[in-house]
Each structure stands twice: as C-alpha cells, then as structure tokens.
Amino acid sequence: MKEQTFSEHLDELRKRLLWSLASVGVGVLAAFFIRDWLLRVIERPHRFAMKSIHLDSNLYVFRYEETFFVQLKIWLIAGFILSSPAIFFHVWRFIEEALQPKEKKMFWKYFPISFLLFALGALFGYYFLIPYGLLFL
C-alpha cells in the first residue's frame, strides 16, 4: 500500500469521477437505443393495475414537452443503472488502496450475497410492490 499526498488523492478521485461520468454518458447513449423497450418495462406495472380495475391503461401527455422530458429522465436513470458496474469498479479502486488485506477479503466474502439480496429486492419491488401499490392507490 503506497501512501499518497493529498493532491495525489484528489488527482486519483478526479480521474475516477471522470471515468464514471464517461461511463454514464455511454449508458445514456445505450439507453437511447433501447428506449422503446425501457418504456414498455416501465409501463408494465401501470398496465397491470389499470387492467385489474378495468380502466383504460393509456398514458396521457398534458404539455408538449412532457414526452421528451419523461424519455430524457428514463434515459438518464437507465444510463446510470447500465453504467453502475463501471461506477462501482471505480469506487472500489479508489477505496481499495486504503484497506488492509483482511478488510478486502471481508468485502469480497459478503459482496456476492449483498448483490443477490439487492437484486431479489429489486425484482420483488417490480413484480409485487409496485403493481399492487398502484392497484391500492
């Protein structure tokens, strides 16, 4: 473990932030190309809830610019999600230098189960909480 000066830490942080920002840009570009699929994925819980109570499941636009801004928000969020592995990699590389070998080993011991539990929670929210929450509302 090499000790760094404060300015070297800041340079490393700047480099990691720029790479992370670039990966978000690539993720947003990728999300632009799959925008129709993303919209269908987002609409699915709404359609389920509306069909369950026998109502029209169309989404409506009330201002001209709403369609563009909704799609832009979807691209940004999806771009961040798509680039999250690269962001996590850069965060890990930044903090890894400050950890002891025992701490690194502990991280990798619990990381797979943490990721699995996060993924299961996200799927539970998407397939159960959001549709039935919308149905309740």
C-alpha atoms as a PDB file:
ATOM      1  CA  MET A   1       0.000   0.000   0.000  1.00  0.00           C
ATOM      2  CA  LYS A   2       1.630   3.192  -1.218  1.00  0.00           C
ATOM      3  CA  GLU A   3       0.999   6.350   0.748  1.00  0.00           C
ATOM      4  CA  GLN A   4      -0.196   9.304  -1.303  1.00  0.00           C
ATOM      5  CA  THR A   5      -0.220  13.007  -0.697  1.00  0.00           C
ATOM      6  CA  PHE A   6      -3.470  14.939  -0.509  1.00  0.00           C
ATOM      7  CA  SER A   7      -3.076  16.268  -4.056  1.00  0.00           C
ATOM      8  CA  GLU A   8      -2.397  12.753  -5.366  1.00  0.00           C
ATOM      9  CA  HIS A   9      -5.631  11.582  -3.719  1.00  0.00           C
ATOM     10  CA  LEU A  10      -7.516  14.440  -5.365  1.00  0.00           C
ATOM     11  CA  ASP A  11      -5.988  13.611  -8.763  1.00  0.00           C
ATOM     12  CA  GLU A  12      -6.996   9.972  -8.358  1.00  0.00           C
ATOM     13  CA  LEU A  13     -10.518  10.986  -7.314  1.00  0.00           C
ATOM     14  CA  ARG A  14     -10.840  13.342 -10.287  1.00  0.00           C
ATOM     15  CA  LYS A  15      -9.705  10.596 -12.668  1.00  0.00           C
ATOM     16  CA  ARG A  16     -12.195   8.098 -11.200  1.00  0.00           C
ATOM     17  CA  LEU A  17     -15.042  10.646 -11.337  1.00  0.00           C
ATOM     18  CA  LEU A  18     -14.319  11.496 -14.975  1.00  0.00           C
ATOM     19  CA  TRP A  19     -14.253   7.820 -15.972  1.00  0.00           C
ATOM     20  CA  SER A  20     -17.515   7.259 -14.089  1.00  0.00           C
ATOM     21  CA  LEU A  21     -19.128  10.247 -15.782  1.00  0.00           C
ATOM     22  CA  ALA A  22     -17.968   8.979 -19.185  1.00  0.00           C
ATOM     23  CA  SER A  23     -19.470   5.566 -18.435  1.00  0.00           C
ATOM     24  CA  VAL A  24     -22.793   7.224 -17.539  1.00  0.00           C
ATOM     25  CA  GLY A  25     -22.668   9.004 -20.915  1.00  0.00           C
ATOM     26  CA  VAL A  26     -22.167   5.681 -22.686  1.00  0.00           C
ATOM     27  CA  GLY A  27     -25.016   4.209 -20.617  1.00  0.00           C
ATOM     28  CA  VAL A  28     -27.346   7.060 -21.596  1.00  0.00           C
ATOM     29  CA  LEU A  29     -26.438   6.521 -25.249  1.00  0.00           C
ATOM     30  CA  ALA A  30     -27.176   2.798 -24.907  1.00  0.00           C
ATOM     31  CA  ALA A  31     -30.489   3.595 -23.187  1.00  0.00           C
ATOM     32  CA  PHE A  32     -31.417   5.850 -26.099  1.00  0.00           C
ATOM     33  CA  PHE A  33     -31.206   2.888 -28.459  1.00  0.00           C
ATOM     34  CA  ILE A  34     -33.404   0.668 -26.262  1.00  0.00           C
ATOM     35  CA  ARG A  35     -35.886   3.406 -25.338  1.00  0.00           C
ATOM     36  CA  ASP A  36     -38.988   1.591 -26.636  1.00  0.00           C
ATOM     37  CA  TRP A  37     -38.205  -1.498 -24.575  1.00  0.00           C
ATOM     38  CA  LEU A  38     -37.493   0.636 -21.497  1.00  0.00           C
ATOM     39  CA  LEU A  39     -40.839   2.382 -21.812  1.00  0.00           C
ATOM     40  CA  ARG A  40     -42.647  -0.966 -22.067  1.00  0.00           C
ATOM     41  CA  VAL A  41     -40.832  -2.203 -18.938  1.00  0.00           C
ATOM     42  CA  ILE A  42     -41.830   0.928 -17.027  1.00  0.00           C
ATOM     43  CA  GLU A  43     -45.444   0.796 -18.260  1.00  0.00           C
ATOM     44  CA  ARG A  44     -45.961  -2.869 -17.287  1.00  0.00           C
ATOM     45  CA  PRO A  45     -46.959  -2.319 -13.600  1.00  0.00           C
ATOM     46  CA  HIS A  46     -49.272   0.546 -14.610  1.00  0.00           C
ATOM     47  CA  ARG A  47     -50.999  -1.582 -17.248  1.00  0.00           C
ATOM     48  CA  PHE A  48     -51.429  -4.442 -14.754  1.00  0.00           C
ATOM     49  CA  ALA A  49     -53.025  -2.172 -12.168  1.00  0.00           C
ATOM     50  CA  MET A  50     -55.337  -0.455 -14.656  1.00  0.00           C
ATOM     51  CA  LYS A  51     -56.489  -3.702 -16.284  1.00  0.00           C
ATOM     52  CA  SER A  52     -57.184  -5.212 -12.852  1.00  0.00           C
ATOM     53  CA  ILE A  53     -59.757  -2.487 -12.151  1.00  0.00           C
ATOM     54  CA  HIS A  54     -60.998  -2.464 -15.764  1.00  0.00           C
ATOM     55  CA  LEU A  55     -59.829   1.017 -16.688  1.00  0.00           C
ATOM     56  CA  ASP A  56     -58.053   2.376 -19.751  1.00  0.00           C
ATOM     57  CA  SER A  57     -54.292   1.817 -19.411  1.00  0.00           C
ATOM     58  CA  ASN A  58     -53.139   4.550 -21.806  1.00  0.00           C
ATOM     59  CA  LEU A  59     -50.710   7.151 -20.556  1.00  0.00           C
ATOM     60  CA  TYR A  60     -51.569  10.765 -21.310  1.00  0.00           C
ATOM     61  CA  VAL A  61     -49.461  13.845 -22.041  1.00  0.00           C
ATOM     62  CA  PHE A  62     -50.692  17.221 -20.817  1.00  0.00           C
ATOM     63  CA  ARG A  63     -47.922  19.509 -22.111  1.00  0.00           C
ATOM     64  CA  TYR A  64     -45.946  19.390 -25.347  1.00  0.00           C
ATOM     65  CA  GLU A  65     -42.548  18.955 -23.753  1.00  0.00           C
ATOM     66  CA  GLU A  66     -43.598  16.211 -21.298  1.00  0.00           C
ATOM     67  CA  THR A  67     -42.922  13.353 -23.698  1.00  0.00           C
ATOM     68  CA  PHE A  68     -39.351  14.497 -24.302  1.00  0.00           C
ATOM     69  CA  PHE A  69     -38.558  15.155 -20.639  1.00  0.00           C
ATOM     70  CA  VAL A  70     -40.039  11.838 -19.492  1.00  0.00           C
ATOM     71  CA  GLN A  71     -37.932   9.990 -22.059  1.00  0.00           C
ATOM     72  CA  LEU A  72     -34.847  12.004 -21.073  1.00  0.00           C
ATOM     73  CA  LYS A  73     -35.353  11.071 -17.408  1.00  0.00           C
ATOM     74  CA  ILE A  74     -35.763   7.418 -18.375  1.00  0.00           C
ATOM     75  CA  TRP A  75     -32.531   7.549 -20.427  1.00  0.00           C
ATOM     76  CA  LEU A  76     -30.610   9.170 -17.572  1.00  0.00           C
ATOM     77  CA  ILE A  77     -31.822   6.712 -14.945  1.00  0.00           C
ATOM     78  CA  ALA A  78     -31.287   3.720 -17.238  1.00  0.00           C
ATOM     79  CA  GLY A  79     -27.874   5.076 -18.234  1.00  0.00           C
ATOM     80  CA  PHE A  80     -26.885   5.314 -14.596  1.00  0.00           C
ATOM     81  CA  ILE A  81     -28.140   1.773 -13.943  1.00  0.00           C
ATOM     82  CA  LEU A  82     -26.357   0.403 -17.017  1.00  0.00           C
ATOM     83  CA  SER A  83     -23.117   2.115 -16.031  1.00  0.00           C
ATOM     84  CA  SER A  84     -23.337   1.210 -12.347  1.00  0.00           C
ATOM     85  CA  PRO A  85     -20.871  -1.719 -12.654  1.00  0.00           C
ATOM     86  CA  ALA A  86     -18.240   0.678 -14.032  1.00  0.00           C
ATOM     87  CA  ILE A  87     -19.039   3.243 -11.336  1.00  0.00           C
ATOM     88  CA  PHE A  88     -18.792   0.614  -8.603  1.00  0.00           C
ATOM     89  CA  PHE A  89     -15.495  -0.561 -10.088  1.00  0.00           C
ATOM     90  CA  HIS A  90     -14.023   2.939  -9.909  1.00  0.00           C
ATOM     91  CA  VAL A  91     -15.327   3.495  -6.382  1.00  0.00           C
ATOM     92  CA  TRP A  92     -13.779   0.182  -5.358  1.00  0.00           C
ATOM     93  CA  ARG A  93     -10.440   1.002  -6.990  1.00  0.00           C
ATOM     94  CA  PHE A  94     -10.386   4.340  -5.165  1.00  0.00           C
ATOM     95  CA  ILE A  95     -11.082   2.965  -1.688  1.00  0.00           C
ATOM     96  CA  GLU A  96      -9.188  -0.318  -2.167  1.00  0.00           C
ATOM     97  CA  GLU A  97      -5.845   1.370  -1.605  1.00  0.00           C
ATOM     98  CA  ALA A  98      -6.844   2.420   1.906  1.00  0.00           C
ATOM     99  CA  LEU A  99      -7.984  -1.047   3.027  1.00  0.00           C
ATOM    100  CA  GLN A 100      -5.986  -3.713   4.773  1.00  0.00           C
ATOM    101  CA  PRO A 101      -5.821  -7.206   3.182  1.00  0.00           C
ATOM    102  CA  LYS A 102      -8.172  -8.573   5.854  1.00  0.00           C
ATOM    103  CA  GLU A 103     -10.734  -5.864   5.053  1.00  0.00           C
ATOM    104  CA  LYS A 104     -10.513  -6.574   1.324  1.00  0.00           C
ATOM    105  CA  LYS A 105     -11.086 -10.277   1.978  1.00  0.00           C
ATOM    106  CA  MET A 106     -14.121  -9.458   4.140  1.00  0.00           C
ATOM    107  CA  PHE A 107     -15.577  -7.261   1.395  1.00  0.00           C
ATOM    108  CA  TRP A 108     -15.327  -9.974  -1.251  1.00  0.00           C
ATOM    109  CA  LYS A 109     -16.764 -12.515   1.174  1.00  0.00           C
ATOM    110  CA  TYR A 110     -20.015 -10.579   1.607  1.00  0.00           C
ATOM    111  CA  PHE A 111     -20.302  -8.848  -1.771  1.00  0.00           C
ATOM    112  CA  PRO A 112     -21.994 -11.735  -3.702  1.00  0.00           C
ATOM    113  CA  ILE A 113     -24.745 -12.254  -1.121  1.00  0.00           C
ATOM    114  CA  SER A 114     -25.292  -8.497  -0.851  1.00  0.00           C
ATOM    115  CA  PHE A 115     -25.666  -8.228  -4.624  1.00  0.00           C
ATOM    116  CA  LEU A 116     -28.048 -11.207  -4.708  1.00  0.00           C
ATOM    117  CA  LEU A 117     -30.221  -9.742  -1.949  1.00  0.00           C
ATOM    118  CA  PHE A 118     -30.298  -6.357  -3.706  1.00  0.00           C
ATOM    119  CA  ALA A 119     -31.356  -7.995  -6.995  1.00  0.00           C
ATOM    120  CA  LEU A 120     -34.068 -10.040  -5.246  1.00  0.00           C
ATOM    121  CA  GLY A 121     -35.363  -6.910  -3.522  1.00  0.00           C
ATOM    122  CA  ALA A 122     -35.500  -5.013  -6.816  1.00  0.00           C
ATOM    123  CA  LEU A 123     -37.384  -7.873  -8.510  1.00  0.00           C
ATOM    124  CA  PHE A 124     -39.782  -8.145  -5.567  1.00  0.00           C
ATOM    125  CA  GLY A 125     -40.470  -4.422  -5.806  1.00  0.00           C
ATOM    126  CA  TYR A 126     -41.011  -4.521  -9.569  1.00  0.00           C
ATOM    127  CA  TYR A 127     -43.231  -7.617  -9.718  1.00  0.00           C
ATOM    128  CA  PHE A 128     -45.142  -7.234  -6.447  1.00  0.00           C
ATOM    129  CA  LEU A 129     -44.860  -3.929  -4.596  1.00  0.00           C
ATOM    130  CA  ILE A 130     -45.245  -1.507  -7.498  1.00  0.00           C
ATOM    131  CA  PRO A 131     -48.200  -3.239  -9.263  1.00  0.00           C
ATOM    132  CA  TYR A 132     -50.161  -3.839  -6.079  1.00  0.00           C
ATOM    133  CA  GLY A 133     -49.196  -0.437  -4.689  1.00  0.00           C
ATOM    134  CA  LEU A 134     -50.614   1.194  -7.837  1.00  0.00           C
ATOM    135  CA  LEU A 135     -53.689  -1.006  -7.537  1.00  0.00           C
ATOM    136  CA  PHE A 136     -54.166   0.197  -3.959  1.00  0.00           C
ATOM    137  CA  LEU A 137     -53.815   3.835  -4.981  1.00  0.00           C
END
